[in-house]
Amino acid sequence: MTEGLAPVGLERRFANFKARLPAPPYGAVPSTALERERRTSIGAERLAAAVDGELVRTSRGSFVRVEAPTTLLPVDRGRLATLPGQPPADAPLLCLDTETTGLATAAGTLAFLVGLGWWEGSRFRQVQLLLPDHADEPALLAELATHIPRDGWLVTYNGRGFDWPLLVARYRMAGANPPLHAGHLDLLPLVRRVFRHRMSDARLASVESELLGLRRSADVAGWEIPSRFLDYLRFGEPGPLVDVVRHNDEDVRSLARLLVHVDRGYADEGRWREAPPGDLAGLARAFSREGRDEQALGCLDAALSSAAAPSATPPREDLLLAPERARLAIRESRPDDEPWWSPRRQPDFGGRPGRYPIAGAWDAAQSSRRDAPWTESRMLAERARLLRRLGRYRDAEATWVGLAANRGTVGTLAWIEVAKLREHRLDDLAGAVEAANAALRLAERQAWLGRPLPRLEVALGRRLARLGARVARRSAAARVGTPKTPGASTASDEAAAARRTAPPRSSLFEAPVLGTSAGWRRAASIAARKTSPAPVASITPSDGIAG
């Protein structure tokens, strides 16, 4: 190397070497690009032949279109529209399901297979769009947009939270606007609300096996699907994608089967008595969420009638034709079929199912979790709430009194609900005091049995003290001739009269308080001193209560 000259770097040497190469003719395509395009075209043709589809070439790229034979799946759209959350009877329905390279909805996840299905009369038609390579995604997205009508509704399973947001992200990444549609019917919330109480989880595979009576044979697991597509891109072998296409085809068809199942079993009120009681209770809650309390009450009455009848296994309707059912072989899963890392109980979409106590516990009667069992106590509690919302306070009171016949926590809280109704809706302070006393006796019984309810006892102490103060104020108002229901102008006068007739503060510890145990008397006295200066001594249901 000549002294005084800087050494030539490796990057500079590569640049000099590239500059000495002869320039290609103007407009010529490099041979590597041509070779890549040729290999991609051959791979797409092999993929189309493997999945029995058609390779469609457009100016934006190519995609594989797979169309399956139509299936007879009649559905009464007018009857289905009467159920809560369902689309209008005249809106087109498009069932949609995607297979992706991951579970995220960010830019790195690709929807390489989109399954579509719609009704043409009483027959269900299906089309699948398969992506041969990443560069062909604009062609697939453009074709998908032509199948989504502006006045139509999408029908998906967890599609509101995953499938459709992912497709919207892919449209935006491609510089296009996502297609518009009128609505989105996600069947996952419906399954959770109506059927989850008797299912192991809310996966679509569980819907097929536990609701529709179907199980797939030789089906690919969901966690295998991304790796199969990536292996196809690496090695060009389309064989593993055949099972993925079949899996997606069954997923789309199961969406239609589920809609038919809901239509036949639950849209017709005449068949409610044949449905499982828990399903009707969940449907009643769905009606109630939309403000349709009368229909919700009818559902609950039918559920309670079914629960009182001799139990029988609910019949499953034959939703599939014989050839289709024969194509799906029923296979019982064995422990050795599961991988070593598989959990014993598959998690739900929203988390692992919880454990619930016995049917007599208040958690089972009060719980709003969708996988909680619908016991008779829980249905009666739901019915009482509906009656109160409808303004039928006497019927709600009778329902709570019937539920209060159960001892334990259920009976205790049922009596508290009776006390609330009598105090705030029926203007029956004597009955409210009687109900609170009944709740107190049951709470004390729980403590004697070793199952104390300390928070409930404190709440009952405050309630009894407040009821006692109201009884005293009403008695004082009756003696001085104040109207029974004072207005805002007489409220302070009535409070002053109650203070004038109140006994000395020290008598609060000496006078008997509603209750039987010494500890309870102390708790009620403390609560009375904190909540109101009115007397709580010697309160009975008949003490000067004006009718």
Protein backbone atom coordinates (compact mmCIF):
# COMPACT_ATOMS: atom_id res chain seq x y z
CA MET A 1 0.00 0.00 0.00
CA THR A 2 1.38 3.39 -0.95
CA GLU A 3 2.36 5.52 2.03
CA GLY A 4 0.09 8.51 2.60
CA LEU A 5 -3.03 7.00 0.94
CA ALA A 6 -6.05 6.02 3.10
CA PRO A 7 -7.08 2.34 2.96
CA VAL A 8 -10.08 1.59 0.76
CA GLY A 9 -13.06 0.30 2.75
CA LEU A 10 -15.07 -2.81 1.93
CA GLU A 11 -18.19 -0.84 1.01
CA ARG A 12 -16.18 1.32 -1.40
CA ARG A 13 -14.74 -1.76 -3.07
CA PHE A 14 -18.25 -3.19 -3.61
CA ALA A 15 -19.36 0.12 -5.08
CA ASN A 16 -16.42 0.18 -7.48
CA PHE A 17 -17.11 -3.40 -8.52
CA LYS A 18 -20.79 -2.67 -9.18
CA ALA A 19 -19.89 0.40 -11.22
CA ARG A 20 -17.70 -1.65 -13.55
CA LEU A 21 -20.59 -4.07 -14.32
CA PRO A 22 -22.37 -3.50 -17.68
CA ALA A 23 -25.69 -1.70 -17.30
CA PRO A 24 -28.85 -3.65 -18.27
CA PRO A 25 -30.93 -2.44 -21.22
CA TYR A 26 -33.46 0.29 -20.52
CA GLY A 27 -36.76 -1.16 -19.23
CA ALA A 28 -35.40 -4.65 -18.71
CA VAL A 29 -36.57 -6.56 -15.61
CA PRO A 30 -33.83 -8.23 -13.55
CA SER A 31 -33.72 -11.97 -13.95
CA THR A 32 -34.10 -12.48 -10.20
CA ALA A 33 -37.46 -10.64 -10.22
CA LEU A 34 -38.64 -12.68 -13.19
CA GLU A 35 -37.59 -15.88 -11.48
CA ARG A 36 -39.38 -14.86 -8.29
CA GLU A 37 -42.58 -14.03 -10.19
CA ARG A 38 -42.40 -17.33 -12.06
CA ARG A 39 -42.00 -19.31 -8.86
CA THR A 40 -44.85 -17.42 -7.20
CA SER A 41 -47.13 -18.12 -10.15
CA ILE A 42 -46.26 -21.82 -10.12
CA GLY A 43 -46.83 -21.96 -6.35
CA ALA A 44 -50.23 -20.27 -6.68
CA GLU A 45 -51.30 -22.73 -9.37
CA ARG A 46 -50.22 -25.68 -7.23
CA LEU A 47 -52.10 -24.19 -4.27
CA ALA A 48 -55.29 -23.77 -6.32
CA ALA A 49 -55.06 -27.35 -7.55
CA ALA A 50 -54.45 -28.71 -4.03
CA VAL A 51 -57.50 -27.01 -2.48
CA ASP A 52 -59.72 -27.62 -5.52
CA GLY A 53 -60.04 -23.91 -6.23
CA GLU A 54 -59.63 -21.40 -9.03
CA LEU A 55 -56.66 -19.07 -9.42
CA VAL A 56 -57.96 -15.56 -10.17
CA ARG A 57 -55.46 -13.06 -11.63
CA THR A 58 -56.15 -9.32 -11.43
CA SER A 59 -54.15 -6.14 -11.94
CA ARG A 60 -53.56 -5.98 -8.19
CA GLY A 61 -52.38 -9.55 -7.84
CA SER A 62 -53.82 -13.04 -7.69
CA PHE A 63 -55.83 -15.06 -5.19
CA VAL A 64 -57.37 -18.51 -4.99
CA ARG A 65 -61.15 -18.73 -4.93
CA VAL A 66 -62.70 -21.88 -3.45
CA GLU A 67 -66.44 -22.45 -3.69
CA ALA A 68 -68.11 -25.34 -1.87
CA PRO A 69 -71.45 -26.95 -2.77
CA THR A 70 -74.46 -25.19 -1.29
CA THR A 71 -76.09 -26.56 1.86
CA LEU A 72 -79.80 -26.69 2.72
CA LEU A 73 -80.11 -24.60 5.90
CA PRO A 74 -83.51 -22.85 5.94
CA VAL A 75 -83.98 -20.03 8.44
CA ASP A 76 -87.06 -17.92 9.14
CA ARG A 77 -85.66 -14.40 9.09
CA GLY A 78 -88.89 -12.77 10.20
CA ARG A 79 -89.10 -15.00 13.26
CA LEU A 80 -85.39 -14.65 14.00
CA ALA A 81 -85.66 -10.85 13.97
CA THR A 82 -87.97 -10.97 17.01
CA LEU A 83 -85.10 -12.13 19.23
CA PRO A 84 -82.89 -9.55 20.98
CA GLY A 85 -79.85 -8.32 19.11
CA GLN A 86 -80.83 -9.85 15.77
CA PRO A 87 -80.69 -7.98 12.43
CA PRO A 88 -83.82 -6.85 10.57
CA ALA A 89 -85.62 -9.45 8.52
CA ASP A 90 -84.83 -7.76 5.20
CA ALA A 91 -81.10 -7.18 5.82
CA PRO A 92 -78.70 -9.47 3.91
CA LEU A 93 -76.53 -11.64 6.16
CA LEU A 94 -72.88 -12.42 5.38
CA CYS A 95 -71.14 -14.99 7.59
CA LEU A 96 -67.43 -14.24 7.84
CA ASP A 97 -64.47 -16.04 9.39
CA THR A 98 -60.74 -15.50 8.92
CA GLU A 99 -57.59 -17.55 9.37
CA THR A 100 -54.59 -15.43 10.32
CA THR A 101 -50.88 -15.60 11.03
CA GLY A 102 -51.36 -14.57 14.67
CA LEU A 103 -53.79 -13.44 17.35
CA ALA A 104 -52.97 -9.72 17.28
CA THR A 105 -54.83 -7.10 15.27
CA ALA A 106 -51.71 -5.02 14.62
CA ALA A 107 -49.84 -4.49 11.37
CA GLY A 108 -47.80 -7.68 11.63
CA THR A 109 -50.79 -10.05 11.47
CA LEU A 110 -52.07 -11.14 8.06
CA ALA A 111 -55.49 -12.62 7.21
CA PHE A 112 -54.45 -15.13 4.56
CA LEU A 113 -57.82 -16.93 4.33
CA VAL A 114 -61.27 -15.34 4.45
CA GLY A 115 -64.35 -17.56 4.49
CA LEU A 116 -67.71 -16.10 3.43
CA GLY A 117 -71.22 -17.50 3.45
CA TRP A 118 -74.68 -16.16 2.64
CA TRP A 119 -78.20 -17.41 2.03
CA GLU A 120 -79.73 -17.72 -1.40
CA GLY A 121 -83.29 -18.67 -0.56
CA SER A 122 -83.15 -21.65 1.78
CA ARG A 123 -79.67 -22.73 0.66
CA PHE A 124 -76.40 -21.57 2.17
CA ARG A 125 -73.62 -20.70 -0.28
CA GLN A 126 -69.94 -20.49 0.68
CA VAL A 127 -66.88 -18.90 -0.94
CA GLN A 128 -63.31 -18.80 0.37
CA LEU A 129 -60.56 -16.38 -0.64
CA LEU A 130 -57.02 -17.71 -0.15
CA LEU A 131 -53.85 -15.64 -0.37
CA PRO A 132 -50.91 -17.19 -2.31
CA ASP A 133 -48.33 -14.60 -1.21
CA HIS A 134 -48.03 -11.38 0.80
CA ALA A 135 -47.79 -9.25 -2.32
CA ASP A 136 -51.23 -10.41 -3.50
CA GLU A 137 -53.10 -9.04 -0.47
CA PRO A 138 -54.57 -5.99 -2.32
CA ALA A 139 -56.28 -8.33 -4.78
CA LEU A 140 -57.85 -10.38 -1.97
CA LEU A 141 -59.03 -7.27 -0.12
CA ALA A 142 -60.58 -5.83 -3.29
CA GLU A 143 -62.46 -9.08 -3.92
CA LEU A 144 -63.65 -9.21 -0.30
CA ALA A 145 -65.08 -5.68 -0.59
CA THR A 146 -67.29 -6.77 -3.49
CA HIS A 147 -68.99 -9.41 -1.29
CA ILE A 148 -69.94 -7.08 1.61
CA PRO A 149 -73.21 -5.23 0.84
CA ARG A 150 -73.66 -1.75 2.28
CA ASP A 151 -77.07 -2.67 3.70
CA GLY A 152 -75.94 -6.09 4.96
CA TRP A 153 -74.99 -7.43 8.37
CA LEU A 154 -71.82 -9.35 9.15
CA VAL A 155 -72.26 -12.57 11.15
CA THR A 156 -69.11 -13.62 12.99
CA TYR A 157 -67.91 -15.43 16.10
CA ASN A 158 -65.77 -13.06 18.14
CA GLY A 159 -65.47 -11.05 14.95
CA ARG A 160 -66.36 -7.75 16.54
CA GLY A 161 -63.22 -7.96 18.67
CA PHE A 162 -60.82 -9.75 16.31
CA ASP A 163 -61.74 -10.61 12.70
CA TRP A 164 -63.21 -7.31 11.58
CA PRO A 165 -60.69 -5.01 13.37
CA LEU A 166 -57.90 -7.04 11.76
CA LEU A 167 -59.43 -6.66 8.30
CA VAL A 168 -59.89 -2.92 8.87
CA ALA A 169 -56.20 -2.67 9.77
CA ARG A 170 -55.22 -4.56 6.60
CA TYR A 171 -57.35 -2.25 4.44
CA ARG A 172 -55.69 0.79 5.96
CA MET A 173 -52.24 -0.73 5.52
CA ALA A 174 -53.08 -1.22 1.83
CA GLY A 175 -54.19 2.41 1.50
CA ALA A 176 -57.87 1.57 1.00
CA ASN A 177 -61.05 2.24 2.94
CA PRO A 178 -62.74 -0.75 4.58
CA PRO A 179 -66.13 -1.66 3.08
CA LEU A 180 -69.19 -0.26 4.80
CA HIS A 181 -71.97 -2.42 6.20
CA ALA A 182 -75.19 -1.82 8.14
CA GLY A 183 -74.48 -3.88 11.26
CA HIS A 184 -72.50 -6.63 12.91
CA LEU A 185 -73.98 -9.69 14.64
CA ASP A 186 -71.33 -11.30 16.84
CA LEU A 187 -72.62 -14.68 18.01
CA LEU A 188 -70.12 -15.03 20.86
CA PRO A 189 -72.06 -12.72 23.26
CA LEU A 190 -75.27 -14.59 22.38
CA VAL A 191 -73.68 -17.95 23.21
CA ARG A 192 -72.26 -16.61 26.46
CA ARG A 193 -75.55 -15.08 27.56
CA VAL A 194 -77.89 -17.94 26.62
CA PHE A 195 -75.89 -21.18 26.51
CA ARG A 196 -72.70 -20.59 28.52
CA HIS A 197 -74.22 -21.87 31.78
CA ARG A 198 -74.22 -25.46 30.46
CA MET A 199 -71.06 -25.38 28.35
CA SER A 200 -67.46 -26.12 29.32
CA ASP A 201 -66.29 -23.01 27.45
CA ALA A 202 -67.50 -20.68 24.72
CA ARG A 203 -65.30 -21.81 21.83
CA LEU A 204 -66.91 -22.52 18.48
CA ALA A 205 -65.79 -26.15 18.72
CA SER A 206 -67.72 -26.45 22.01
CA VAL A 207 -70.78 -24.93 20.34
CA GLU A 208 -70.62 -27.62 17.67
CA SER A 209 -70.16 -30.51 20.10
CA GLU A 210 -72.37 -29.41 23.01
CA LEU A 211 -75.16 -27.50 21.26
CA LEU A 212 -75.31 -28.89 17.72
CA GLY A 213 -74.19 -32.45 18.50
CA LEU A 214 -71.32 -32.44 15.99
CA ARG A 215 -67.64 -33.21 16.28
CA ARG A 216 -65.08 -32.91 13.53
CA SER A 217 -62.68 -35.67 12.61
CA ALA A 218 -59.10 -35.07 11.49
CA ASP A 219 -59.48 -31.35 12.11
CA VAL A 220 -56.50 -29.05 12.42
CA ALA A 221 -56.02 -27.29 15.75
CA GLY A 222 -56.23 -23.52 15.74
CA TRP A 223 -52.71 -23.03 17.06
CA GLU A 224 -51.28 -24.97 14.09
CA ILE A 225 -52.81 -22.78 11.39
CA PRO A 226 -50.29 -19.88 11.36
CA SER A 227 -47.30 -22.22 11.16
CA ARG A 228 -48.84 -24.15 8.27
CA PHE A 229 -49.22 -21.03 6.16
CA LEU A 230 -45.71 -19.84 6.99
CA ASP A 231 -44.32 -23.26 6.06
CA TYR A 232 -46.12 -22.99 2.73
CA LEU A 233 -44.45 -19.63 2.08
CA ARG A 234 -41.02 -21.05 2.95
CA PHE A 235 -41.14 -24.38 1.16
CA GLY A 236 -43.97 -24.00 -1.38
CA GLU A 237 -45.75 -27.20 -0.32
CA PRO A 238 -49.56 -26.58 -0.36
CA GLY A 239 -50.59 -29.90 1.20
CA PRO A 240 -50.80 -28.70 4.84
CA LEU A 241 -53.15 -25.86 3.81
CA VAL A 242 -55.82 -28.29 2.61
CA ASP A 243 -56.87 -29.04 6.19
CA VAL A 244 -56.82 -25.32 6.99
CA VAL A 245 -59.23 -24.58 4.14
CA ARG A 246 -61.51 -27.39 5.30
CA HIS A 247 -61.36 -26.07 8.87
CA ASN A 248 -62.39 -22.59 7.75
CA ASP A 249 -65.19 -24.02 5.62
CA GLU A 250 -66.67 -25.78 8.66
CA ASP A 251 -66.32 -22.66 10.81
CA VAL A 252 -68.39 -20.59 8.39
CA ARG A 253 -71.00 -23.33 8.08
CA SER A 254 -71.22 -23.58 11.88
CA LEU A 255 -72.20 -19.91 12.06
CA ALA A 256 -75.19 -20.69 9.85
CA ARG A 257 -76.05 -23.81 11.86
CA LEU A 258 -76.02 -21.81 15.08
CA LEU A 259 -78.41 -19.22 13.64
CA VAL A 260 -80.75 -21.99 12.50
CA HIS A 261 -80.56 -23.58 15.96
CA VAL A 262 -81.48 -20.30 17.65
CA ASP A 263 -84.30 -19.67 15.17
CA ARG A 264 -85.92 -23.08 15.55
CA GLY A 265 -85.54 -23.48 19.29
CA TYR A 266 -85.96 -19.99 20.74
CA ALA A 267 -87.58 -17.59 18.26
CA ASP A 268 -90.93 -19.41 18.48
CA GLU A 269 -92.57 -18.77 21.87
CA GLY A 270 -94.62 -21.93 21.47
CA ARG A 271 -91.45 -24.01 21.79
CA TRP A 272 -90.04 -22.27 24.85
CA ARG A 273 -91.28 -25.00 27.16
CA GLU A 274 -89.18 -27.54 25.26
CA ALA A 275 -85.97 -25.55 25.76
CA PRO A 276 -83.67 -25.99 28.79
CA PRO A 277 -84.72 -23.64 31.62
CA GLY A 278 -81.28 -22.07 31.88
CA ASP A 279 -81.32 -21.14 28.20
CA LEU A 280 -84.64 -19.36 28.63
CA ALA A 281 -83.35 -17.53 31.70
CA GLY A 282 -80.36 -16.29 29.72
CA LEU A 283 -82.66 -15.26 26.87
CA ALA A 284 -84.80 -13.38 29.39
CA ARG A 285 -81.75 -11.44 30.51
CA ALA A 286 -81.02 -10.61 26.86
CA PHE A 287 -84.59 -9.31 26.46
CA SER A 288 -84.21 -7.26 29.63
CA ARG A 289 -81.01 -5.63 28.38
CA GLU A 290 -83.01 -4.23 25.45
CA GLY A 291 -85.80 -2.96 27.72
CA ARG A 292 -88.28 -5.65 26.63
CA ASP A 293 -89.27 -6.62 30.14
CA GLU A 294 -92.61 -8.21 29.24
CA GLN A 295 -90.93 -10.72 26.91
CA ALA A 296 -88.25 -11.29 29.54
CA LEU A 297 -90.91 -12.09 32.12
CA GLY A 298 -92.57 -14.54 29.72
CA CYS A 299 -89.22 -16.27 29.21
CA LEU A 300 -88.66 -16.59 32.94
CA ASP A 301 -92.17 -17.93 33.55
CA ALA A 302 -91.60 -20.57 30.86
CA ALA A 303 -88.22 -21.40 32.40
CA LEU A 304 -89.71 -21.83 35.87
CA SER A 305 -92.47 -24.01 34.45
CA SER A 306 -89.88 -26.18 32.70
CA ALA A 307 -87.80 -26.39 35.87
CA ALA A 308 -90.84 -27.55 37.85
CA ALA A 309 -91.66 -30.23 35.26
CA PRO A 310 -89.87 -33.61 35.32
CA SER A 311 -86.40 -33.14 33.88
CA ALA A 312 -85.68 -34.63 30.50
CA THR A 313 -82.78 -34.41 28.13
CA PRO A 314 -83.53 -31.56 25.72
CA PRO A 315 -83.93 -32.89 22.18
CA ARG A 316 -81.38 -31.73 19.66
CA GLU A 317 -82.81 -30.77 16.32
CA ASP A 318 -81.52 -32.37 13.19
CA LEU A 319 -80.09 -29.27 11.55
CA LEU A 320 -78.00 -31.07 8.95
CA LEU A 321 -78.76 -33.30 6.05
CA ALA A 322 -77.68 -36.92 6.28
CA PRO A 323 -74.77 -36.58 3.80
CA GLU A 324 -73.41 -33.58 5.66
CA ARG A 325 -73.69 -35.29 9.05
CA ALA A 326 -72.01 -38.40 7.67
CA ARG A 327 -69.17 -36.25 6.39
CA LEU A 328 -68.49 -35.04 9.93
CA ALA A 329 -67.55 -38.19 11.82
CA ILE A 330 -68.22 -38.11 15.53
CA ARG A 331 -65.13 -38.92 17.53
CA GLU A 332 -64.79 -38.86 21.29
CA SER A 333 -61.62 -37.10 22.37
CA ARG A 334 -59.23 -39.24 24.41
CA PRO A 335 -56.66 -38.01 26.92
CA ASP A 336 -53.82 -39.32 24.75
CA ASP A 337 -55.00 -37.13 21.88
CA GLU A 338 -54.16 -33.97 23.82
CA PRO A 339 -50.59 -32.61 23.86
CA TRP A 340 -48.72 -32.72 27.15
CA TRP A 341 -49.01 -28.95 27.64
CA SER A 342 -52.77 -28.80 27.01
CA PRO A 343 -54.81 -27.60 30.03
CA ARG A 344 -57.34 -29.99 31.46
CA ARG A 345 -60.10 -27.46 30.97
CA GLN A 346 -59.96 -25.17 27.99
CA PRO A 347 -60.30 -21.48 28.85
CA ASP A 348 -63.18 -19.39 27.65
CA PHE A 349 -62.66 -16.41 25.35
CA GLY A 350 -63.05 -14.15 28.37
CA GLY A 351 -61.08 -16.18 30.91
CA ARG A 352 -61.19 -19.42 32.81
CA PRO A 353 -64.58 -20.56 34.10
CA GLY A 354 -65.06 -19.95 37.81
CA ARG A 355 -66.31 -22.29 40.49
CA TYR A 356 -69.63 -21.69 42.14
CA PRO A 357 -71.06 -22.90 45.42
CA ILE A 358 -74.05 -25.14 45.91
CA ALA A 359 -77.45 -24.21 44.53
CA GLY A 360 -78.66 -22.81 47.85
CA ALA A 361 -75.92 -20.18 48.09
CA TRP A 362 -76.72 -16.58 47.34
CA ASP A 363 -73.86 -16.32 44.86
CA ALA A 364 -75.66 -18.82 42.65
CA ALA A 365 -78.93 -16.89 42.99
CA GLN A 366 -77.43 -13.44 42.58
CA SER A 367 -74.52 -14.01 40.19
CA SER A 368 -74.41 -12.18 36.89
CA ARG A 369 -71.59 -14.31 35.47
CA ARG A 370 -72.71 -16.05 32.33
CA ASP A 371 -71.20 -19.40 33.27
CA ALA A 372 -72.98 -19.50 36.64
CA PRO A 373 -75.70 -22.16 36.92
CA TRP A 374 -79.28 -21.02 36.51
CA THR A 375 -80.83 -22.50 39.65
CA GLU A 376 -84.46 -22.03 40.63
CA SER A 377 -83.42 -19.51 43.29
CA ARG A 378 -81.53 -17.45 40.74
CA MET A 379 -84.46 -17.49 38.32
CA LEU A 380 -86.88 -16.43 41.08
CA ALA A 381 -84.60 -13.57 42.06
CA GLU A 382 -84.42 -12.46 38.41
CA ARG A 383 -88.22 -12.66 38.15
CA ALA A 384 -88.68 -10.52 41.25
CA ARG A 385 -86.40 -7.83 39.83
CA LEU A 386 -88.34 -7.82 36.57
CA LEU A 387 -91.65 -7.47 38.39
CA ARG A 388 -90.31 -4.54 40.36
CA ARG A 389 -89.06 -2.90 37.15
CA LEU A 390 -92.52 -3.35 35.64
CA GLY A 391 -94.15 -1.67 38.64
CA ARG A 392 -95.86 -4.86 39.87
CA TYR A 393 -94.68 -4.41 43.44
CA ARG A 394 -97.15 -6.78 45.09
CA ASP A 395 -96.16 -9.61 42.74
CA ALA A 396 -92.49 -8.83 43.32
CA GLU A 397 -93.07 -8.93 47.07
CA ALA A 398 -94.80 -12.30 46.82
CA THR A 399 -91.90 -13.68 44.76
CA TRP A 400 -89.33 -12.49 47.28
CA VAL A 401 -91.37 -13.90 50.17
CA GLY A 402 -91.50 -17.26 48.41
CA LEU A 403 -87.73 -17.14 47.92
CA ALA A 404 -87.26 -16.17 51.56
CA ALA A 405 -88.65 -19.55 52.60
CA ASN A 406 -85.12 -20.86 51.96
CA ARG A 407 -83.02 -20.59 55.06
CA GLY A 408 -79.48 -19.31 55.07
CA THR A 409 -78.04 -16.43 53.10
CA VAL A 410 -80.66 -16.69 50.35
CA GLY A 411 -83.51 -16.27 52.79
CA THR A 412 -81.74 -13.47 54.65
CA LEU A 413 -81.21 -11.32 51.58
CA ALA A 414 -84.65 -12.16 50.22
CA TRP A 415 -86.20 -10.75 53.41
CA ILE A 416 -84.06 -7.63 52.98
CA GLU A 417 -85.47 -7.20 49.46
CA VAL A 418 -88.97 -7.55 50.93
CA ALA A 419 -88.12 -4.85 53.45
CA LYS A 420 -86.93 -2.54 50.68
CA LEU A 421 -90.13 -3.01 48.69
CA ARG A 422 -92.40 -2.46 51.67
CA GLU A 423 -90.54 0.64 52.81
CA HIS A 424 -89.93 2.43 49.51
CA ARG A 425 -92.69 1.20 47.17
CA LEU A 426 -95.60 -0.08 49.26
CA ASP A 427 -95.37 2.50 52.10
CA ASP A 428 -95.68 -0.28 54.68
CA LEU A 429 -93.28 0.51 57.52
CA ALA A 430 -94.78 -2.15 59.75
CA GLY A 431 -94.19 -4.79 57.11
CA ALA A 432 -90.66 -3.47 56.51
CA VAL A 433 -89.84 -3.80 60.21
CA GLU A 434 -91.27 -7.31 60.23
CA ALA A 435 -89.19 -8.31 57.17
CA ALA A 436 -86.03 -6.81 58.67
CA ASN A 437 -86.64 -8.75 61.89
CA ALA A 438 -87.04 -11.97 59.86
CA ALA A 439 -83.75 -11.25 58.10
CA LEU A 440 -82.10 -10.63 61.46
CA ARG A 441 -83.30 -13.96 62.84
CA LEU A 442 -81.89 -15.82 59.85
CA ALA A 443 -78.58 -13.95 60.15
CA GLU A 444 -78.36 -14.90 63.82
CA ARG A 445 -79.11 -18.50 62.91
CA GLN A 446 -76.23 -18.44 60.44
CA ALA A 447 -73.94 -17.20 63.20
CA TRP A 448 -75.08 -19.97 65.55
CA LEU A 449 -74.32 -22.53 62.84
CA GLY A 450 -70.78 -21.22 62.47
CA ARG A 451 -71.40 -19.26 59.25
CA PRO A 452 -71.56 -15.65 60.46
CA LEU A 453 -72.35 -12.75 58.16
CA PRO A 454 -70.75 -9.78 59.93
CA ARG A 455 -71.14 -7.23 57.13
CA LEU A 456 -74.75 -8.21 56.66
CA GLU A 457 -75.40 -7.86 60.37
CA VAL A 458 -73.95 -4.34 60.40
CA ALA A 459 -76.08 -3.41 57.38
CA LEU A 460 -79.17 -4.81 59.09
CA GLY A 461 -78.35 -2.79 62.20
CA ARG A 462 -78.30 0.42 60.20
CA ARG A 463 -81.49 -0.52 58.39
CA LEU A 464 -83.35 -1.30 61.62
CA ALA A 465 -82.13 1.92 63.21
CA ARG A 466 -83.31 3.93 60.23
CA LEU A 467 -86.67 2.15 60.19
CA GLY A 468 -87.03 2.86 63.90
CA ALA A 469 -86.34 6.53 63.31
CA ARG A 470 -88.97 6.66 60.56
CA VAL A 471 -91.51 4.94 62.81
CA ALA A 472 -90.82 7.46 65.57
CA ARG A 473 -91.14 10.42 63.23
CA ARG A 474 -94.40 9.12 61.83
CA SER A 475 -95.76 8.53 65.36
CA ALA A 476 -94.82 12.06 66.37
CA ALA A 477 -96.41 13.47 63.25
CA ALA A 478 -99.63 11.58 63.96
CA ARG A 479 -99.77 12.93 67.53
CA VAL A 480 -99.26 16.58 66.54
CA GLY A 481 -101.58 16.34 63.54
CA THR A 482 -98.91 16.68 60.86
CA PRO A 483 -99.86 15.15 57.50
CA LYS A 484 -98.72 11.57 56.99
CA THR A 485 -96.57 12.39 53.98
CA PRO A 486 -94.93 15.77 54.68
CA GLY A 487 -93.64 17.98 51.96
CA ALA A 488 -90.37 19.84 51.82
CA SER A 489 -91.71 22.69 53.97
CA THR A 490 -92.77 20.44 56.86
CA ALA A 491 -89.78 18.13 56.89
CA SER A 492 -87.78 20.29 59.33
CA ASP A 493 -90.81 20.71 61.63
CA GLU A 494 -91.33 16.96 61.76
CA ALA A 495 -87.64 16.37 62.53
CA ALA A 496 -87.82 18.94 65.34
CA ALA A 497 -90.90 17.22 66.77
CA ALA A 498 -89.09 13.90 66.67
CA ARG A 499 -86.15 15.42 68.55
CA ARG A 500 -88.46 16.88 71.20
CA THR A 501 -90.05 13.50 71.87
CA ALA A 502 -86.75 11.59 71.81
CA PRO A 503 -85.58 10.05 75.12
CA PRO A 504 -82.25 11.04 76.66
CA ARG A 505 -79.13 9.85 74.90
CA SER A 506 -78.23 7.47 77.72
CA SER A 507 -81.46 5.49 77.29
CA LEU A 508 -80.25 4.23 73.93
CA PHE A 509 -78.05 1.74 75.75
CA GLU A 510 -80.74 0.65 78.21
CA ALA A 511 -83.83 0.28 76.05
CA PRO A 512 -84.42 -2.99 74.21
CA VAL A 513 -83.55 -2.89 70.50
CA LEU A 514 -84.89 -5.08 67.72
CA GLY A 515 -82.84 -8.26 68.00
CA THR A 516 -82.13 -11.05 70.45
CA SER A 517 -78.38 -11.17 71.11
CA ALA A 518 -76.39 -8.72 73.21
CA GLY A 519 -73.84 -8.17 70.46
CA TRP A 520 -76.60 -7.32 68.02
CA ARG A 521 -78.12 -4.81 70.44
CA ARG A 522 -74.81 -3.04 70.77
CA ALA A 523 -74.33 -2.90 66.96
CA ALA A 524 -77.84 -1.55 66.41
CA SER A 525 -77.42 1.07 69.14
CA ILE A 526 -74.16 2.33 67.66
CA ALA A 527 -75.69 2.46 64.19
CA ALA A 528 -78.72 4.34 65.55
CA ARG A 529 -76.54 6.93 67.27
CA LYS A 530 -74.59 7.53 64.04
CA THR A 531 -77.50 7.70 61.63
CA SER A 532 -80.28 9.55 63.43
CA PRO A 533 -81.03 11.27 66.76
CA ALA A 534 -84.52 9.77 66.72
CA PRO A 535 -85.34 7.07 69.33
CA VAL A 536 -85.00 3.40 68.53
CA ALA A 537 -86.24 2.13 71.87
CA SER A 538 -89.25 -0.14 72.18
CA ILE A 539 -90.09 -0.22 68.47
CA THR A 540 -92.70 -2.72 67.39
CA PRO A 541 -94.53 -2.98 64.08
CA SER A 542 -97.73 -1.58 65.60
CA ASP A 543 -96.28 1.39 67.50
CA GLY A 544 -98.33 4.32 66.35
CA ILE A 545 -97.97 3.70 62.64
CA ALA A 546 -100.64 5.53 60.77
CA GLY A 547 -102.31 3.34 58.19
